Amino acid sequence: MDKLTGEAFVLIDLVDYRDGSVVSKQIIKKDTGTVTLFAFDEGQGLSEHTAPFDALVYIFDGKAEIAIDGKSSLVESGSMVIMPAGKPHSLKAIKRFKMLLVMIKEKS
């Protein structure tokens, strides 16, 4: 992250696809939340899980299916989804896709 601070960069260039894999790169990690980039190869995904924090997902390349609390949506480049804390969700790459995940922790 230190290399990126105060510098302009192209988001899509910060994480690369890898055949048969999910690649992640954490950009910011603070007590109040995280910002992480992901690259999913076609067919790859994250199985259903919950998170204790609200999350914003921005798809900046490709196409994915995102299910939240039993409801599925197809999302493509330029789409954004908000995943509420405590709701089960999953992701699957319909085509290779890259996303930005912003998790916001609620003050306790």
N, C-alpha and C. Protein backbone atom coordinates (compact mmCIF):
# COMPACT_ATOMS: atom_id res chain seq x y z
N MET A 1 0.81 -1.19 0.00
CA MET A 1 0.00 0.00 0.00
C MET A 1 0.86 1.26 0.00
N ASP A 2 1.96 1.24 0.71
CA ASP A 2 2.80 2.44 0.79
C ASP A 2 3.21 2.96 -0.58
N LYS A 3 3.47 2.03 -1.52
CA LYS A 3 3.85 2.44 -2.88
C LYS A 3 2.73 3.19 -3.58
N LEU A 4 1.48 2.92 -3.20
CA LEU A 4 0.33 3.52 -3.87
C LEU A 4 -0.11 4.84 -3.25
N THR A 5 0.23 5.05 -2.00
CA THR A 5 -0.23 6.24 -1.29
C THR A 5 0.27 7.51 -1.98
N GLY A 6 -0.66 8.37 -2.31
CA GLY A 6 -0.33 9.65 -2.94
C GLY A 6 -0.01 9.55 -4.42
N GLU A 7 -0.16 8.38 -5.01
CA GLU A 7 0.14 8.16 -6.43
C GLU A 7 -1.14 7.82 -7.19
N ALA A 8 -1.20 8.22 -8.44
CA ALA A 8 -2.31 7.81 -9.32
C ALA A 8 -2.00 6.41 -9.84
N PHE A 9 -3.02 5.58 -9.95
CA PHE A 9 -2.83 4.23 -10.49
C PHE A 9 -4.09 3.78 -11.20
N VAL A 10 -3.94 2.75 -12.01
CA VAL A 10 -5.07 2.18 -12.74
C VAL A 10 -5.50 0.91 -12.00
N LEU A 11 -6.70 0.93 -11.47
CA LEU A 11 -7.21 -0.15 -10.64
C LEU A 11 -7.08 -1.52 -11.29
N ILE A 12 -7.47 -1.63 -12.53
CA ILE A 12 -7.48 -2.92 -13.22
C ILE A 12 -6.08 -3.54 -13.36
N ASP A 13 -5.05 -2.70 -13.29
CA ASP A 13 -3.68 -3.19 -13.44
C ASP A 13 -3.07 -3.71 -12.14
N LEU A 14 -3.74 -3.54 -11.01
CA LEU A 14 -3.15 -3.90 -9.73
C LEU A 14 -3.32 -5.36 -9.34
N VAL A 15 -4.20 -6.08 -10.04
CA VAL A 15 -4.40 -7.50 -9.75
C VAL A 15 -4.55 -8.24 -11.07
N ASP A 16 -3.87 -9.40 -11.19
CA ASP A 16 -3.88 -10.17 -12.43
C ASP A 16 -4.66 -11.46 -12.28
N TYR A 17 -5.24 -11.91 -13.39
CA TYR A 17 -5.90 -13.21 -13.40
C TYR A 17 -4.85 -14.31 -13.33
N ARG A 18 -5.24 -15.44 -12.71
CA ARG A 18 -4.41 -16.63 -12.68
C ARG A 18 -5.33 -17.81 -13.00
N ASP A 19 -4.95 -18.64 -13.98
CA ASP A 19 -5.77 -19.77 -14.40
C ASP A 19 -6.20 -20.62 -13.21
N GLY A 20 -7.52 -20.87 -13.13
CA GLY A 20 -8.06 -21.75 -12.10
C GLY A 20 -8.00 -21.22 -10.68
N SER A 21 -7.82 -19.92 -10.53
CA SER A 21 -7.60 -19.37 -9.19
C SER A 21 -8.40 -18.11 -8.91
N VAL A 22 -8.41 -17.76 -7.63
CA VAL A 22 -8.90 -16.48 -7.15
C VAL A 22 -7.68 -15.77 -6.57
N VAL A 23 -7.41 -14.56 -7.05
CA VAL A 23 -6.26 -13.78 -6.60
C VAL A 23 -6.79 -12.57 -5.84
N SER A 24 -6.17 -12.27 -4.70
CA SER A 24 -6.58 -11.08 -3.96
C SER A 24 -5.36 -10.24 -3.60
N LYS A 25 -5.61 -8.94 -3.49
CA LYS A 25 -4.55 -8.00 -3.11
C LYS A 25 -5.17 -6.93 -2.22
N GLN A 26 -4.77 -6.93 -0.97
CA GLN A 26 -5.29 -5.93 -0.03
C GLN A 26 -4.60 -4.59 -0.28
N ILE A 27 -5.39 -3.55 -0.45
CA ILE A 27 -4.88 -2.21 -0.74
C ILE A 27 -4.82 -1.37 0.53
N ILE A 28 -5.87 -1.47 1.36
CA ILE A 28 -5.92 -0.74 2.62
C ILE A 28 -6.41 -1.69 3.71
N LYS A 29 -5.74 -1.65 4.85
CA LYS A 29 -6.19 -2.42 6.02
C LYS A 29 -6.10 -1.51 7.23
N LYS A 30 -7.26 -1.20 7.78
CA LYS A 30 -7.37 -0.34 8.96
C LYS A 30 -8.32 -1.00 9.95
N ASP A 31 -8.31 -0.54 11.19
CA ASP A 31 -9.25 -1.06 12.19
C ASP A 31 -10.69 -0.84 11.76
N THR A 32 -10.92 0.19 10.97
CA THR A 32 -12.28 0.56 10.56
C THR A 32 -12.75 -0.11 9.27
N GLY A 33 -11.87 -0.85 8.59
CA GLY A 33 -12.28 -1.55 7.39
C GLY A 33 -11.12 -1.86 6.47
N THR A 34 -11.45 -2.49 5.35
CA THR A 34 -10.44 -2.89 4.38
C THR A 34 -10.90 -2.58 2.96
N VAL A 35 -9.92 -2.47 2.07
CA VAL A 35 -10.17 -2.36 0.64
C VAL A 35 -9.30 -3.42 -0.02
N THR A 36 -9.95 -4.33 -0.76
CA THR A 36 -9.24 -5.46 -1.34
C THR A 36 -9.66 -5.64 -2.80
N LEU A 37 -8.69 -5.91 -3.67
CA LEU A 37 -8.95 -6.23 -5.07
C LEU A 37 -8.95 -7.74 -5.24
N PHE A 38 -9.82 -8.24 -6.11
CA PHE A 38 -9.89 -9.66 -6.42
C PHE A 38 -9.92 -9.85 -7.93
N ALA A 39 -9.33 -10.96 -8.39
CA ALA A 39 -9.45 -11.42 -9.77
C ALA A 39 -9.86 -12.89 -9.73
N PHE A 40 -11.01 -13.21 -10.32
CA PHE A 40 -11.55 -14.56 -10.33
C PHE A 40 -11.46 -15.13 -11.73
N ASP A 41 -10.86 -16.30 -11.88
CA ASP A 41 -10.88 -16.96 -13.18
C ASP A 41 -12.30 -17.52 -13.41
N GLU A 42 -12.66 -17.72 -14.66
CA GLU A 42 -13.99 -18.24 -15.00
C GLU A 42 -14.27 -19.51 -14.22
N GLY A 43 -15.47 -19.58 -13.62
CA GLY A 43 -15.88 -20.75 -12.85
C GLY A 43 -15.46 -20.72 -11.39
N GLN A 44 -14.57 -19.83 -11.05
CA GLN A 44 -14.11 -19.73 -9.66
C GLN A 44 -15.08 -18.86 -8.86
N GLY A 45 -15.01 -18.96 -7.54
CA GLY A 45 -15.89 -18.15 -6.72
C GLY A 45 -15.58 -18.27 -5.25
N LEU A 46 -16.49 -17.74 -4.47
CA LEU A 46 -16.45 -17.85 -3.01
C LEU A 46 -17.75 -18.50 -2.59
N SER A 47 -17.65 -19.58 -1.81
CA SER A 47 -18.85 -20.27 -1.37
C SER A 47 -19.62 -19.40 -0.37
N GLU A 48 -20.86 -19.80 -0.13
CA GLU A 48 -21.71 -19.00 0.74
C GLU A 48 -21.09 -18.83 2.12
N HIS A 49 -21.11 -17.59 2.58
CA HIS A 49 -20.56 -17.25 3.90
C HIS A 49 -21.23 -15.96 4.37
N THR A 50 -20.97 -15.58 5.60
CA THR A 50 -21.46 -14.31 6.12
C THR A 50 -20.26 -13.49 6.58
N ALA A 51 -20.47 -12.21 6.69
CA ALA A 51 -19.44 -11.30 7.19
C ALA A 51 -20.08 -10.39 8.23
N PRO A 52 -19.33 -10.03 9.25
CA PRO A 52 -19.91 -9.19 10.31
C PRO A 52 -19.99 -7.71 9.95
N PHE A 53 -19.57 -7.36 8.72
CA PHE A 53 -19.52 -5.96 8.31
C PHE A 53 -20.24 -5.77 6.98
N ASP A 54 -20.80 -4.57 6.76
CA ASP A 54 -21.34 -4.23 5.45
C ASP A 54 -20.20 -4.22 4.45
N ALA A 55 -20.50 -4.61 3.22
CA ALA A 55 -19.49 -4.64 2.17
C ALA A 55 -20.04 -4.07 0.88
N LEU A 56 -19.20 -3.34 0.18
CA LEU A 56 -19.53 -2.80 -1.13
C LEU A 56 -18.64 -3.53 -2.13
N VAL A 57 -19.25 -4.05 -3.18
CA VAL A 57 -18.51 -4.74 -4.24
C VAL A 57 -18.71 -3.96 -5.53
N TYR A 58 -17.61 -3.58 -6.17
CA TYR A 58 -17.66 -2.91 -7.46
C TYR A 58 -16.97 -3.81 -8.48
N ILE A 59 -17.71 -4.22 -9.51
CA ILE A 59 -17.16 -5.07 -10.58
C ILE A 59 -16.55 -4.14 -11.63
N PHE A 60 -15.26 -4.28 -11.86
CA PHE A 60 -14.63 -3.39 -12.84
C PHE A 60 -14.12 -4.12 -14.07
N ASP A 61 -14.37 -5.43 -14.16
CA ASP A 61 -14.05 -6.20 -15.36
C ASP A 61 -14.80 -7.51 -15.30
N GLY A 62 -15.38 -7.96 -16.41
CA GLY A 62 -15.97 -9.28 -16.49
C GLY A 62 -17.42 -9.37 -16.04
N LYS A 63 -17.81 -10.61 -15.63
CA LYS A 63 -19.21 -10.89 -15.31
C LYS A 63 -19.27 -11.94 -14.21
N ALA A 64 -20.15 -11.71 -13.23
CA ALA A 64 -20.27 -12.63 -12.10
C ALA A 64 -21.73 -12.79 -11.68
N GLU A 65 -21.97 -13.84 -10.93
CA GLU A 65 -23.24 -14.04 -10.27
C GLU A 65 -22.99 -13.85 -8.78
N ILE A 66 -23.75 -12.95 -8.17
CA ILE A 66 -23.64 -12.71 -6.74
C ILE A 66 -24.99 -13.03 -6.12
N ALA A 67 -24.97 -13.91 -5.11
CA ALA A 67 -26.19 -14.27 -4.39
C ALA A 67 -26.10 -13.69 -2.99
N ILE A 68 -27.18 -13.01 -2.58
CA ILE A 68 -27.26 -12.45 -1.24
C ILE A 68 -28.59 -12.88 -0.63
N ASP A 69 -28.49 -13.60 0.48
CA ASP A 69 -29.67 -14.05 1.21
C ASP A 69 -30.66 -14.79 0.29
N GLY A 70 -30.11 -15.64 -0.59
CA GLY A 70 -30.94 -16.46 -1.47
C GLY A 70 -31.36 -15.81 -2.78
N LYS A 71 -31.03 -14.55 -3.00
CA LYS A 71 -31.40 -13.86 -4.24
C LYS A 71 -30.16 -13.63 -5.09
N SER A 72 -30.17 -14.15 -6.33
CA SER A 72 -29.02 -14.04 -7.24
C SER A 72 -29.18 -12.87 -8.20
N SER A 73 -28.05 -12.24 -8.50
CA SER A 73 -28.00 -11.17 -9.49
C SER A 73 -26.79 -11.37 -10.38
N LEU A 74 -26.96 -11.09 -11.68
CA LEU A 74 -25.82 -11.07 -12.58
C LEU A 74 -25.27 -9.66 -12.59
N VAL A 75 -23.98 -9.55 -12.42
CA VAL A 75 -23.33 -8.24 -12.38
C VAL A 75 -22.19 -8.22 -13.39
N GLU A 76 -22.03 -7.08 -14.05
CA GLU A 76 -20.99 -6.93 -15.06
C GLU A 76 -20.17 -5.69 -14.76
N SER A 77 -19.14 -5.51 -15.56
CA SER A 77 -18.27 -4.35 -15.43
C SER A 77 -19.09 -3.07 -15.27
N GLY A 78 -18.77 -2.30 -14.25
CA GLY A 78 -19.48 -1.07 -13.97
C GLY A 78 -20.58 -1.21 -12.95
N SER A 79 -20.91 -2.44 -12.55
CA SER A 79 -21.97 -2.68 -11.57
C SER A 79 -21.43 -2.64 -10.14
N MET A 80 -22.31 -2.30 -9.22
CA MET A 80 -21.95 -2.26 -7.82
C MET A 80 -23.06 -2.93 -7.01
N VAL A 81 -22.66 -3.64 -5.95
CA VAL A 81 -23.61 -4.33 -5.08
C VAL A 81 -23.21 -4.03 -3.63
N ILE A 82 -24.20 -3.80 -2.79
CA ILE A 82 -23.95 -3.65 -1.36
C ILE A 82 -24.44 -4.91 -0.67
N MET A 83 -23.55 -5.54 0.08
CA MET A 83 -23.88 -6.77 0.80
C MET A 83 -23.99 -6.43 2.29
N PRO A 84 -25.18 -6.58 2.87
CA PRO A 84 -25.36 -6.21 4.27
C PRO A 84 -24.70 -7.21 5.22
N ALA A 85 -24.24 -6.70 6.34
CA ALA A 85 -23.63 -7.53 7.37
C ALA A 85 -24.60 -8.63 7.81
N GLY A 86 -24.06 -9.82 8.06
CA GLY A 86 -24.83 -10.91 8.61
C GLY A 86 -25.70 -11.68 7.63
N LYS A 87 -25.78 -11.24 6.37
CA LYS A 87 -26.58 -11.94 5.36
C LYS A 87 -25.68 -12.90 4.58
N PRO A 88 -26.11 -14.15 4.39
CA PRO A 88 -25.28 -15.09 3.62
C PRO A 88 -25.15 -14.63 2.17
N HIS A 89 -23.94 -14.76 1.63
CA HIS A 89 -23.70 -14.35 0.25
C HIS A 89 -22.61 -15.24 -0.36
N SER A 90 -22.63 -15.29 -1.70
CA SER A 90 -21.64 -16.06 -2.46
C SER A 90 -21.40 -15.37 -3.79
N LEU A 91 -20.27 -15.72 -4.42
CA LEU A 91 -19.91 -15.14 -5.71
C LEU A 91 -19.39 -16.25 -6.63
N LYS A 92 -19.71 -16.13 -7.93
CA LYS A 92 -19.18 -17.08 -8.90
C LYS A 92 -18.91 -16.34 -10.21
N ALA A 93 -17.76 -16.61 -10.79
CA ALA A 93 -17.37 -15.97 -12.05
C ALA A 93 -18.08 -16.66 -13.22
N ILE A 94 -18.95 -15.92 -13.90
CA ILE A 94 -19.58 -16.40 -15.13
C ILE A 94 -18.53 -16.27 -16.25
N LYS A 95 -17.84 -15.16 -16.27
CA LYS A 95 -16.64 -14.92 -17.08
C LYS A 95 -15.60 -14.44 -16.07
N ARG A 96 -14.35 -14.47 -16.47
CA ARG A 96 -13.34 -13.90 -15.57
C ARG A 96 -13.82 -12.53 -15.12
N PHE A 97 -13.63 -12.23 -13.83
CA PHE A 97 -14.02 -10.90 -13.38
C PHE A 97 -13.08 -10.39 -12.30
N LYS A 98 -13.02 -9.07 -12.23
CA LYS A 98 -12.24 -8.38 -11.20
C LYS A 98 -13.19 -7.50 -10.41
N MET A 99 -12.94 -7.45 -9.10
CA MET A 99 -13.80 -6.63 -8.25
C MET A 99 -12.99 -5.93 -7.18
N LEU A 100 -13.55 -4.84 -6.72
CA LEU A 100 -13.04 -4.09 -5.59
C LEU A 100 -14.01 -4.35 -4.44
N LEU A 101 -13.49 -4.81 -3.31
CA LEU A 101 -14.30 -5.07 -2.12
C LEU A 101 -13.92 -4.07 -1.05
N VAL A 102 -14.92 -3.31 -0.59
CA VAL A 102 -14.72 -2.35 0.49
C VAL A 102 -15.57 -2.81 1.67
N MET A 103 -14.92 -3.17 2.76
CA MET A 103 -15.64 -3.60 3.97
C MET A 103 -15.54 -2.49 5.01
N ILE A 104 -16.70 -2.13 5.56
CA ILE A 104 -16.79 -1.05 6.54
C ILE A 104 -17.21 -1.64 7.88
N LYS A 105 -16.39 -1.43 8.89
CA LYS A 105 -16.70 -1.94 10.22
C LYS A 105 -17.46 -0.87 11.00
N GLU A 106 -18.51 -1.32 11.67
CA GLU A 106 -19.31 -0.41 12.49
C GLU A 106 -18.58 -0.14 13.80
N LYS A 107 -18.62 1.09 14.25
CA LYS A 107 -18.00 1.43 15.53
C LYS A 107 -18.70 0.69 16.65
N SER A 108 -17.91 0.19 17.59
CA SER A 108 -18.54 -0.51 18.72
C SER A 108 -18.52 0.35 19.96
